[in-house]
């Protein structure tokens, strides 16, 4: 299978082809859609190096998660308010195209 991703998307995401391959390989492996061997082959590395990279990435994500919860400050003291009356899922199914057209650019 061939997947074509425009260069502008990679440029906007600040990713190289190798980084995207690594990200996709990690995702497939963590979701158990690919074996370690398949994922490391997609990432163009050996299985041991791939596992080290996954561990390093997981550690970085864990650090981000804990720092995000620590930096809430005053936001943690906000009281929940009921401004949406009804089911919030209904917002997903609303036609927002008029509002988007009026959005200042």
PDB file of N, CA and C in Angstrom:
ATOM      1  N   UNK A   1       0.847  -1.169   0.000  1.00  0.00           N
ATOM      2  CA  UNK A   1       0.000   0.000   0.000  1.00  0.00           C
ATOM      3  C   UNK A   1       0.897   1.238   0.000  1.00  0.00           C
ATOM      4  N   UNK A   2       0.466   2.238  -0.723  1.00  0.00           N
ATOM      5  CA  UNK A   2       1.193   3.497  -0.766  1.00  0.00           C
ATOM      6  C   UNK A   2       0.320   4.583  -0.175  1.00  0.00           C
ATOM      7  N   UNK A   3       0.893   5.360   0.714  1.00  0.00           N
ATOM      8  CA  UNK A   3       0.199   6.484   1.329  1.00  0.00           C
ATOM      9  C   UNK A   3       0.920   7.756   0.911  1.00  0.00           C
ATOM     10  N   UNK A   4       0.189   8.675   0.297  1.00  0.00           N
ATOM     11  CA  UNK A   4       0.791   9.918  -0.165  1.00  0.00           C
ATOM     12  C   UNK A   4       0.405  11.034   0.790  1.00  0.00           C
ATOM     13  N   UNK A   5       1.405  11.662   1.379  1.00  0.00           N
ATOM     14  CA  UNK A   5       1.187  12.785   2.282  1.00  0.00           C
ATOM     15  C   UNK A   5       1.878  13.998   1.664  1.00  0.00           C
ATOM     16  N   UNK A   6       1.120  15.052   1.378  1.00  0.00           N
ATOM     17  CA  UNK A   6       1.736  16.221   0.753  1.00  0.00           C
ATOM     18  C   UNK A   6       2.853  16.813   1.611  1.00  0.00           C
ATOM     19  N   UNK A   7       3.898  17.301   0.940  1.00  0.00           N
ATOM     20  CA  UNK A   7       5.034  17.901   1.633  1.00  0.00           C
ATOM     21  C   UNK A   7       4.604  19.056   2.529  1.00  0.00           C
ATOM     22  N   UNK A   8       3.580  19.798   2.117  1.00  0.00           N
ATOM     23  CA  UNK A   8       3.150  20.946   2.926  1.00  0.00           C
ATOM     24  C   UNK A   8       2.626  20.519   4.293  1.00  0.00           C
ATOM     25  N   UNK A   9       2.042  19.338   4.372  1.00  0.00           N
ATOM     26  CA  UNK A   9       1.565  18.843   5.668  1.00  0.00           C
ATOM     27  C   UNK A   9       2.755  18.523   6.566  1.00  0.00           C
ATOM     28  N   UNK A  10       3.756  17.865   6.013  1.00  0.00           N
ATOM     29  CA  UNK A  10       4.957  17.576   6.802  1.00  0.00           C
ATOM     30  C   UNK A  10       5.638  18.868   7.227  1.00  0.00           C
ATOM     31  N   UNK A  11       5.705  19.826   6.318  1.00  0.00           N
ATOM     32  CA  UNK A  11       6.339  21.108   6.626  1.00  0.00           C
ATOM     33  C   UNK A  11       5.577  21.829   7.741  1.00  0.00           C
ATOM     34  N   UNK A  12       4.259  21.860   7.639  1.00  0.00           N
ATOM     35  CA  UNK A  12       3.434  22.519   8.654  1.00  0.00           C
ATOM     36  C   UNK A  12       3.574  21.830  10.011  1.00  0.00           C
ATOM     37  N   UNK A  13       3.675  20.514   9.989  1.00  0.00           N
ATOM     38  CA  UNK A  13       3.802  19.745  11.235  1.00  0.00           C
ATOM     39  C   UNK A  13       5.239  19.722  11.755  1.00  0.00           C
ATOM     40  N   UNK A  14       6.161  20.295  10.995  1.00  0.00           N
ATOM     41  CA  UNK A  14       7.582  20.302  11.362  1.00  0.00           C
ATOM     42  C   UNK A  14       8.113  18.884  11.544  1.00  0.00           C
ATOM     43  N   UNK A  15       7.750  18.003  10.595  1.00  0.00           N
ATOM     44  CA  UNK A  15       8.183  16.612  10.642  1.00  0.00           C
ATOM     45  C   UNK A  15       8.963  16.258   9.385  1.00  0.00           C
ATOM     46  N   UNK A  16       9.942  15.400   9.546  1.00  0.00           N
ATOM     47  CA  UNK A  16      10.606  14.810   8.398  1.00  0.00           C
ATOM     48  C   UNK A  16       9.884  13.509   8.060  1.00  0.00           C
ATOM     49  N   UNK A  17      10.191  12.952   6.917  1.00  0.00           N
ATOM     50  CA  UNK A  17       9.600  11.675   6.532  1.00  0.00           C
ATOM     51  C   UNK A  17       9.971  10.607   7.558  1.00  0.00           C
ATOM     52  N   UNK A  18      11.216  10.599   7.988  1.00  0.00           N
ATOM     53  CA  UNK A  18      11.665   9.602   8.970  1.00  0.00           C
ATOM     54  C   UNK A  18      10.916   9.750  10.299  1.00  0.00           C
ATOM     55  N   UNK A  19      10.697  10.996  10.730  1.00  0.00           N
ATOM     56  CA  UNK A  19       9.969  11.214  11.982  1.00  0.00           C
ATOM     57  C   UNK A  19       8.522  10.745  11.862  1.00  0.00           C
ATOM     58  N   UNK A  20       7.899  11.004  10.716  1.00  0.00           N
ATOM     59  CA  UNK A  20       6.521  10.555  10.507  1.00  0.00           C
ATOM     60  C   UNK A  20       6.452   9.033  10.501  1.00  0.00           C
ATOM     61  N   UNK A  21       7.408   8.393   9.846  1.00  0.00           N
ATOM     62  CA  UNK A  21       7.443   6.931   9.838  1.00  0.00           C
ATOM     63  C   UNK A  21       7.577   6.400  11.263  1.00  0.00           C
ATOM     64  N   UNK A  22       8.413   7.030  12.064  1.00  0.00           N
ATOM     65  CA  UNK A  22       8.603   6.615  13.457  1.00  0.00           C
ATOM     66  C   UNK A  22       7.304   6.785  14.244  1.00  0.00           C
ATOM     67  N   UNK A  23       6.638   7.916  14.066  1.00  0.00           N
ATOM     68  CA  UNK A  23       5.377   8.174  14.779  1.00  0.00           C
ATOM     69  C   UNK A  23       4.311   7.152  14.413  1.00  0.00           C
ATOM     70  N   UNK A  24       4.172   6.880  13.129  1.00  0.00           N
ATOM     71  CA  UNK A  24       3.168   5.922  12.673  1.00  0.00           C
ATOM     72  C   UNK A  24       3.513   4.527  13.183  1.00  0.00           C
ATOM     73  N   UNK A  25       4.779   4.167  13.110  1.00  0.00           N
ATOM     74  CA  UNK A  25       5.205   2.853  13.600  1.00  0.00           C
ATOM     75  C   UNK A  25       4.910   2.702  15.086  1.00  0.00           C
ATOM     76  N   UNK A  26       5.214   3.737  15.879  1.00  0.00           N
ATOM     77  CA  UNK A  26       4.939   3.677  17.319  1.00  0.00           C
ATOM     78  C   UNK A  26       3.445   3.536  17.580  1.00  0.00           C
ATOM     79  N   UNK A  27       2.653   4.298  16.853  1.00  0.00           N
ATOM     80  CA  UNK A  27       1.203   4.243  17.050  1.00  0.00           C
ATOM     81  C   UNK A  27       0.673   2.851  16.725  1.00  0.00           C
ATOM     82  N   UNK A  28       1.098   2.311  15.584  1.00  0.00           N
ATOM     83  CA  UNK A  28       0.640   0.976  15.192  1.00  0.00           C
ATOM     84  C   UNK A  28       1.043  -0.075  16.226  1.00  0.00           C
ATOM     85  N   UNK A  29       2.263   0.033  16.741  1.00  0.00           N
ATOM     86  CA  UNK A  29       2.736  -0.944  17.719  1.00  0.00           C
ATOM     87  C   UNK A  29       2.017  -0.791  19.053  1.00  0.00           C
ATOM     88  N   UNK A  30       1.836   0.452  19.515  1.00  0.00           N
ATOM     89  CA  UNK A  30       1.176   0.671  20.800  1.00  0.00           C
ATOM     90  C   UNK A  30      -0.294   0.266  20.765  1.00  0.00           C
ATOM     91  N   UNK A  31      -0.928   0.406  19.608  1.00  0.00           N
ATOM     92  CA  UNK A  31      -2.328  -0.019  19.459  1.00  0.00           C
ATOM     93  C   UNK A  31      -2.452  -1.507  19.157  1.00  0.00           C
ATOM     94  N   UNK A  32      -1.317  -2.190  19.060  1.00  0.00           N
ATOM     95  CA  UNK A  32      -1.263  -3.620  18.783  1.00  0.00           C
ATOM     96  C   UNK A  32      -1.781  -3.962  17.381  1.00  0.00           C
ATOM     97  N   UNK A  33      -1.647  -3.028  16.449  1.00  0.00           N
ATOM     98  CA  UNK A  33      -1.998  -3.293  15.056  1.00  0.00           C
ATOM     99  C   UNK A  33      -0.810  -3.888  14.302  1.00  0.00           C
ATOM    100  N   UNK A  34       0.373  -3.742  14.854  1.00  0.00           N
ATOM    101  CA  UNK A  34       1.584  -4.263  14.217  1.00  0.00           C
ATOM    102  C   UNK A  34       2.448  -4.929  15.275  1.00  0.00           C
ATOM    103  N   UNK A  35       3.198  -5.909  14.841  1.00  0.00           N
ATOM    104  CA  UNK A  35       4.146  -6.558  15.744  1.00  0.00           C
ATOM    105  C   UNK A  35       5.357  -5.641  15.907  1.00  0.00           C
ATOM    106  N   UNK A  36       6.198  -5.971  16.860  1.00  0.00           N
ATOM    107  CA  UNK A  36       7.425  -5.207  17.073  1.00  0.00           C
ATOM    108  C   UNK A  36       8.292  -5.222  15.817  1.00  0.00           C
ATOM    109  N   UNK A  37       8.381  -6.379  15.192  1.00  0.00           N
ATOM    110  CA  UNK A  37       9.194  -6.501  13.977  1.00  0.00           C
ATOM    111  C   UNK A  37       8.625  -5.646  12.850  1.00  0.00           C
ATOM    112  N   UNK A  38       7.309  -5.671  12.668  1.00  0.00           N
ATOM    113  CA  UNK A  38       6.691  -4.871  11.614  1.00  0.00           C
ATOM    114  C   UNK A  38       6.868  -3.382  11.873  1.00  0.00           C
ATOM    115  N   UNK A  39       6.655  -2.979  13.104  1.00  0.00           N
ATOM    116  CA  UNK A  39       6.781  -1.560  13.451  1.00  0.00           C
ATOM    117  C   UNK A  39       8.219  -1.080  13.294  1.00  0.00           C
ATOM    118  N   UNK A  40       9.168  -1.884  13.739  1.00  0.00           N
ATOM    119  CA  UNK A  40      10.567  -1.474  13.606  1.00  0.00           C
ATOM    120  C   UNK A  40      10.982  -1.430  12.140  1.00  0.00           C
ATOM    121  N   UNK A  41      10.412  -2.307  11.330  1.00  0.00           N
ATOM    122  CA  UNK A  41      10.703  -2.277   9.891  1.00  0.00           C
ATOM    123  C   UNK A  41      10.155  -0.988   9.282  1.00  0.00           C
ATOM    124  N   UNK A  42       8.948  -0.594   9.657  1.00  0.00           N
ATOM    125  CA  UNK A  42       8.373   0.660   9.155  1.00  0.00           C
ATOM    126  C   UNK A  42       9.202   1.849   9.606  1.00  0.00           C
ATOM    127  N   UNK A  43       9.695   1.808  10.833  1.00  0.00           N
ATOM    128  CA  UNK A  43      10.525   2.894  11.361  1.00  0.00           C
ATOM    129  C   UNK A  43      11.951   2.828  10.824  1.00  0.00           C
ATOM    130  N   UNK A  44      12.241   1.799  10.056  1.00  0.00           N
ATOM    131  CA  UNK A  44      13.562   1.585   9.449  1.00  0.00           C
ATOM    132  C   UNK A  44      14.666   1.518  10.505  1.00  0.00           C
ATOM    133  N   UNK A  45      14.415   0.698  11.515  1.00  0.00           N
ATOM    134  CA  UNK A  45      15.390   0.485  12.581  1.00  0.00           C
ATOM    135  C   UNK A  45      15.276  -0.959  13.063  1.00  0.00           C
ATOM    136  N   UNK A  46      16.163  -1.363  13.941  1.00  0.00           N
ATOM    137  CA  UNK A  46      16.049  -2.724  14.473  1.00  0.00           C
ATOM    138  C   UNK A  46      15.096  -2.709  15.669  1.00  0.00           C
ATOM    139  N   UNK A  47      14.562  -3.882  16.033  1.00  0.00           N
ATOM    140  CA  UNK A  47      13.565  -3.926  17.116  1.00  0.00           C
ATOM    141  C   UNK A  47      14.056  -3.352  18.445  1.00  0.00           C
ATOM    142  N   UNK A  48      15.323  -3.581  18.796  1.00  0.00           N
ATOM    143  CA  UNK A  48      15.833  -3.071  20.069  1.00  0.00           C
ATOM    144  C   UNK A  48      15.888  -1.546  20.060  1.00  0.00           C
ATOM    145  N   UNK A  49      16.378  -0.967  18.971  1.00  0.00           N
ATOM    146  CA  UNK A  49      16.442   0.493  18.863  1.00  0.00           C
ATOM    147  C   UNK A  49      15.035   1.091  18.854  1.00  0.00           C
ATOM    148  N   UNK A  50      14.108   0.418  18.175  1.00  0.00           N
ATOM    149  CA  UNK A  50      12.727   0.887  18.137  1.00  0.00           C
ATOM    150  C   UNK A  50      12.131   0.917  19.540  1.00  0.00           C
ATOM    151  N   UNK A  51      12.345  -0.138  20.321  1.00  0.00           N
ATOM    152  CA  UNK A  51      11.823  -0.169  21.692  1.00  0.00           C
ATOM    153  C   UNK A  51      12.441   0.931  22.542  1.00  0.00           C
ATOM    154  N   UNK A  52      13.733   1.200  22.379  1.00  0.00           N
ATOM    155  CA  UNK A  52      14.369   2.294  23.124  1.00  0.00           C
ATOM    156  C   UNK A  52      13.729   3.633  22.766  1.00  0.00           C
ATOM    157  N   UNK A  53      13.473   3.831  21.485  1.00  0.00           N
ATOM    158  CA  UNK A  53      12.862   5.093  21.033  1.00  0.00           C
ATOM    159  C   UNK A  53      11.443   5.240  21.590  1.00  0.00           C
ATOM    160  N   UNK A  54      10.683   4.153  21.598  1.00  0.00           N
ATOM    161  CA  UNK A  54       9.323   4.185  22.161  1.00  0.00           C
ATOM    162  C   UNK A  54       9.381   4.518  23.648  1.00  0.00           C
ATOM    163  N   UNK A  55      10.314   3.920  24.360  1.00  0.00           N
ATOM    164  CA  UNK A  55      10.453   4.188  25.795  1.00  0.00           C
ATOM    165  C   UNK A  55      10.823   5.640  26.050  1.00  0.00           C
ATOM    166  N   UNK A  56      11.725   6.179  25.239  1.00  0.00           N
ATOM    167  CA  UNK A  56      12.136   7.570  25.402  1.00  0.00           C
ATOM    168  C   UNK A  56      10.970   8.507  25.114  1.00  0.00           C
ATOM    169  N   UNK A  57      10.206   8.207  24.077  1.00  0.00           N
ATOM    170  CA  UNK A  57       9.048   9.033  23.730  1.00  0.00           C
ATOM    171  C   UNK A  57       7.995   8.968  24.824  1.00  0.00           C
ATOM    172  N   UNK A  58       7.765   7.770  25.364  1.00  0.00           N
ATOM    173  CA  UNK A  58       6.779   7.608  26.436  1.00  0.00           C
ATOM    174  C   UNK A  58       7.180   8.400  27.668  1.00  0.00           C
ATOM    175  N   UNK A  59       8.459   8.425  27.976  1.00  0.00           N
ATOM    176  CA  UNK A  59       8.944   9.182  29.133  1.00  0.00           C
ATOM    177  C   UNK A  59       8.725  10.675  28.928  1.00  0.00           C
ATOM    178  N   UNK A  60       8.951  11.159  27.706  1.00  0.00           N
ATOM    179  CA  UNK A  60       8.721  12.584  27.408  1.00  0.00           C
ATOM    180  C   UNK A  60       7.254  12.933  27.551  1.00  0.00           C
ATOM    181  N   UNK A  61       6.379  12.063  27.062  1.00  0.00           N
ATOM    182  CA  UNK A  61       4.936  12.304  27.161  1.00  0.00           C
ATOM    183  C   UNK A  61       4.494  12.303  28.617  1.00  0.00           C
ATOM    184  N   UNK A  62       5.041  11.389  29.419  1.00  0.00           N
ATOM    185  CA  UNK A  62       4.706  11.333  30.846  1.00  0.00           C
ATOM    186  C   UNK A  62       5.126  12.630  31.536  1.00  0.00           C
ATOM    187  N   UNK A  63       6.294  13.159  31.175  1.00  0.00           N
ATOM    188  CA  UNK A  63       6.742  14.427  31.748  1.00  0.00           C
ATOM    189  C   UNK A  63       5.800  15.557  31.376  1.00  0.00           C
ATOM    190  N   UNK A  64       5.328  15.570  30.129  1.00  0.00           N
ATOM    191  CA  UNK A  64       4.398  16.610  29.695  1.00  0.00           C
ATOM    192  C   UNK A  64       3.078  16.502  30.444  1.00  0.00           C
ATOM    193  N   UNK A  65       2.601  15.275  30.642  1.00  0.00           N
ATOM    194  CA  UNK A  65       1.327  15.080  31.338  1.00  0.00           C
ATOM    195  C   UNK A  65       1.398  15.591  32.767  1.00  0.00           C
ATOM    196  N   UNK A  66       2.476  15.310  33.478  1.00  0.00           N
ATOM    197  CA  UNK A  66       2.566  15.749  34.867  1.00  0.00           C
ATOM    198  C   UNK A  66       2.764  17.255  34.949  1.00  0.00           C
ATOM    199  N   UNK A  67       3.526  17.843  34.031  1.00  0.00           N
ATOM    200  CA  UNK A  67       3.724  19.292  34.083  1.00  0.00           C
ATOM    201  C   UNK A  67       2.440  20.026  33.747  1.00  0.00           C
ATOM    202  N   UNK A  68       1.606  19.458  32.874  1.00  0.00           N
ATOM    203  CA  UNK A  68       0.345  20.110  32.530  1.00  0.00           C
ATOM    204  C   UNK A  68      -0.589  20.140  33.739  1.00  0.00           C
ATOM    205  N   UNK A  69      -0.623  19.068  34.513  1.00  0.00           N
ATOM    206  CA  UNK A  69      -1.510  19.042  35.663  1.00  0.00           C
ATOM    207  C   UNK A  69      -0.988  19.928  36.794  1.00  0.00           C
ATOM    208  N   UNK A  70       0.303  20.113  36.880  1.00  0.00           N
ATOM    209  CA  UNK A  70       0.881  20.947  37.930  1.00  0.00           C
ATOM    210  C   UNK A  70       0.681  22.425  37.624  1.00  0.00           C
ATOM    211  N   UNK A  71       0.696  22.815  36.356  1.00  0.00           N
ATOM    212  CA  UNK A  71       0.626  24.214  35.968  1.00  0.00           C
ATOM    213  C   UNK A  71      -0.790  24.763  35.844  1.00  0.00           C
ATOM    214  N   UNK A  72      -1.769  24.105  36.375  1.00  0.00           N
ATOM    215  CA  UNK A  72      -3.140  24.595  36.254  1.00  0.00           C
ATOM    216  C   UNK A  72      -3.356  25.878  37.049  1.00  0.00           C
ATOM    217  N   UNK A  73      -2.725  26.019  38.185  1.00  0.00           N
ATOM    218  CA  UNK A  73      -2.843  27.235  38.982  1.00  0.00           C
ATOM    219  C   UNK A  73      -4.280  27.580  39.296  1.00  0.00           C
ATOM    220  N   UNK A  74      -4.672  28.812  38.968  1.00  0.00           N
ATOM    221  CA  UNK A  74      -6.018  29.303  39.265  1.00  0.00           C
ATOM    222  C   UNK A  74      -7.095  28.559  38.498  1.00  0.00           C
ATOM    223  N   UNK A  75      -6.743  27.970  37.359  1.00  0.00           N
ATOM    224  CA  UNK A  75      -7.741  27.230  36.588  1.00  0.00           C
ATOM    225  C   UNK A  75      -8.306  26.054  37.373  1.00  0.00           C
ATOM    226  N   UNK A  76      -7.496  25.467  38.247  1.00  0.00           N
ATOM    227  CA  UNK A  76      -7.955  24.336  39.039  1.00  0.00           C
ATOM    228  C   UNK A  76      -9.058  24.737  40.018  1.00  0.00           C
ATOM    229  N   UNK A  77      -9.160  26.038  40.337  1.00  0.00           N
ATOM    230  CA  UNK A  77     -10.151  26.501  41.296  1.00  0.00           C
ATOM    231  C   UNK A  77     -11.468  26.937  40.648  1.00  0.00           C
ATOM    232  N   UNK A  78     -11.541  26.888  39.314  1.00  0.00           N
ATOM    233  CA  UNK A  78     -12.774  27.299  38.639  1.00  0.00           C
ATOM    234  C   UNK A  78     -13.916  26.352  38.984  1.00  0.00           C
ATOM    235  N   UNK A  79     -15.086  26.915  39.179  1.00  0.00           N
ATOM    236  CA  UNK A  79     -16.266  26.111  39.468  1.00  0.00           C
ATOM    237  C   UNK A  79     -16.953  25.749  38.150  1.00  0.00           C
ATOM    238  N   UNK A  80     -17.428  24.512  38.026  1.00  0.00           N
ATOM    239  CA  UNK A  80     -18.149  24.141  36.807  1.00  0.00           C
ATOM    240  C   UNK A  80     -19.448  24.927  36.694  1.00  0.00           C
ATOM    241  N   UNK A  81     -19.754  25.347  35.508  1.00  0.00           N
ATOM    242  CA  UNK A  81     -20.985  26.107  35.252  1.00  0.00           C
ATOM    243  C   UNK A  81     -21.802  25.382  34.185  1.00  0.00           C
ATOM    244  N   UNK A  82     -23.095  25.485  34.266  1.00  0.00           N
ATOM    245  CA  UNK A  82     -23.986  24.839  33.304  1.00  0.00           C
ATOM    246  C   UNK A  82     -24.468  25.854  32.272  1.00  0.00           C
ATOM    247  N   UNK A  83     -23.640  26.101  31.267  1.00  0.00           N
ATOM    248  CA  UNK A  83     -24.033  27.023  30.218  1.00  0.00           C
ATOM    249  C   UNK A  83     -24.612  26.305  29.016  1.00  0.00           C
ATOM    250  N   UNK A  84     -24.310  25.034  28.856  1.00  0.00           N
ATOM    251  CA  UNK A  84     -24.888  24.267  27.767  1.00  0.00           C
ATOM    252  C   UNK A  84     -26.105  23.544  28.321  1.00  0.00           C
ATOM    253  N   UNK A  85     -27.250  23.868  27.774  1.00  0.00           N
ATOM    254  CA  UNK A  85     -28.469  23.211  28.204  1.00  0.00           C
ATOM    255  C   UNK A  85     -28.763  22.116  27.198  1.00  0.00           C
ATOM    256  N   UNK A  86     -28.839  20.900  27.645  1.00  0.00           N
ATOM    257  CA  UNK A  86     -29.062  19.776  26.748  1.00  0.00           C
ATOM    258  C   UNK A  86     -27.828  18.906  26.655  1.00  0.00           C
ATOM    259  N   UNK A  87     -27.809  18.116  25.647  1.00  0.00           N
ATOM    260  CA  UNK A  87     -26.720  17.164  25.456  1.00  0.00           C
ATOM    261  C   UNK A  87     -25.576  17.824  24.687  1.00  0.00           C
ATOM    262  N   UNK A  88     -24.365  17.908  25.258  1.00  0.00           N
ATOM    263  CA  UNK A  88     -23.234  18.520  24.551  1.00  0.00           C
ATOM    264  C   UNK A  88     -22.917  17.828  23.226  1.00  0.00           C
ATOM    265  N   UNK A  89     -23.289  16.552  23.091  1.00  0.00           N
ATOM    266  CA  UNK A  89     -23.054  15.832  21.838  1.00  0.00           C
ATOM    267  C   UNK A  89     -23.836  16.465  20.688  1.00  0.00           C
ATOM    268  N   UNK A  90     -24.935  17.159  21.000  1.00  0.00           N
ATOM    269  CA  UNK A  90     -25.717  17.811  19.948  1.00  0.00           C
ATOM    270  C   UNK A  90     -24.918  18.909  19.250  1.00  0.00           C
ATOM    271  N   UNK A  91     -23.944  19.498  19.950  1.00  0.00           N
ATOM    272  CA  UNK A  91     -23.111  20.537  19.342  1.00  0.00           C
ATOM    273  C   UNK A  91     -22.315  20.001  18.159  1.00  0.00           C
ATOM    274  N   UNK A  92     -21.945  18.750  18.240  1.00  0.00           N
ATOM    275  CA  UNK A  92     -21.153  18.148  17.172  1.00  0.00           C
ATOM    276  C   UNK A  92     -21.966  18.056  15.890  1.00  0.00           C
ATOM    277  N   UNK A  93     -23.260  17.863  16.019  1.00  0.00           N
ATOM    278  CA  UNK A  93     -24.100  17.626  14.853  1.00  0.00           C
ATOM    279  C   UNK A  93     -24.768  18.900  14.329  1.00  0.00           C
ATOM    280  N   UNK A  94     -24.440  20.040  14.912  1.00  0.00           N
ATOM    281  CA  UNK A  94     -25.018  21.304  14.443  1.00  0.00           C
ATOM    282  C   UNK A  94     -24.298  21.778  13.190  1.00  0.00           C
ATOM    283  N   UNK A  95     -24.998  22.538  12.370  1.00  0.00           N
ATOM    284  CA  UNK A  95     -24.389  23.123  11.178  1.00  0.00           C
ATOM    285  C   UNK A  95     -23.741  24.445  11.585  1.00  0.00           C
ATOM    286  N   UNK A  96     -22.398  24.451  11.629  1.00  0.00           N
ATOM    287  CA  UNK A  96     -21.648  25.623  12.051  1.00  0.00           C
ATOM    288  C   UNK A  96     -21.123  26.424  10.854  1.00  0.00           C
ATOM    289  N   UNK A  97     -21.497  26.059   9.640  1.00  0.00           N
ATOM    290  CA  UNK A  97     -20.909  26.694   8.457  1.00  0.00           C
ATOM    291  C   UNK A  97     -21.173  28.196   8.408  1.00  0.00           C
ATOM    292  N   UNK A  98     -22.333  28.651   8.840  1.00  0.00           N
ATOM    293  CA  UNK A  98     -22.627  30.092   8.829  1.00  0.00           C
ATOM    294  C   UNK A  98     -21.672  30.836   9.773  1.00  0.00           C
ATOM    295  N   UNK A  99     -21.469  30.301  10.961  1.00  0.00           N
ATOM    296  CA  UNK A  99     -20.571  30.930  11.917  1.00  0.00           C
ATOM    297  C   UNK A  99     -19.136  30.943  11.401  1.00  0.00           C
ATOM    298  N   UNK A 100     -18.739  29.884  10.713  1.00  0.00           N
ATOM    299  CA  UNK A 100     -17.376  29.818  10.204  1.00  0.00           C
ATOM    300  C   UNK A 100     -17.154  30.831   9.093  1.00  0.00           C
ATOM    301  N   UNK A 101     -18.188  31.063   8.269  1.00  0.00           N
ATOM    302  CA  UNK A 101     -18.050  32.048   7.187  1.00  0.00           C
ATOM    303  C   UNK A 101     -17.897  33.442   7.758  1.00  0.00           C
ATOM    304  N   UNK A 102     -18.514  33.722   8.886  1.00  0.00           N
ATOM    305  CA  UNK A 102     -18.468  35.040   9.494  1.00  0.00           C
ATOM    306  C   UNK A 102     -17.242  35.237  10.375  1.00  0.00           C
ATOM    307  N   UNK A 103     -16.464  34.200  10.571  1.00  0.00           N
ATOM    308  CA  UNK A 103     -15.291  34.274  11.429  1.00  0.00           C
ATOM    309  C   UNK A 103     -14.253  35.196  10.797  1.00  0.00           C
ATOM    310  N   UNK A 104     -13.742  36.187  11.560  1.00  0.00           N
ATOM    311  CA  UNK A 104     -12.746  37.099  10.985  1.00  0.00           C
ATOM    312  C   UNK A 104     -11.454  36.357  10.652  1.00  0.00           C
ATOM    313  N   UNK A 105     -10.905  36.703   9.507  1.00  0.00           N
ATOM    314  CA  UNK A 105      -9.676  36.036   9.062  1.00  0.00           C
ATOM    315  C   UNK A 105      -8.481  36.872   9.352  1.00  0.00           C
TER     316      UNK A 105
END
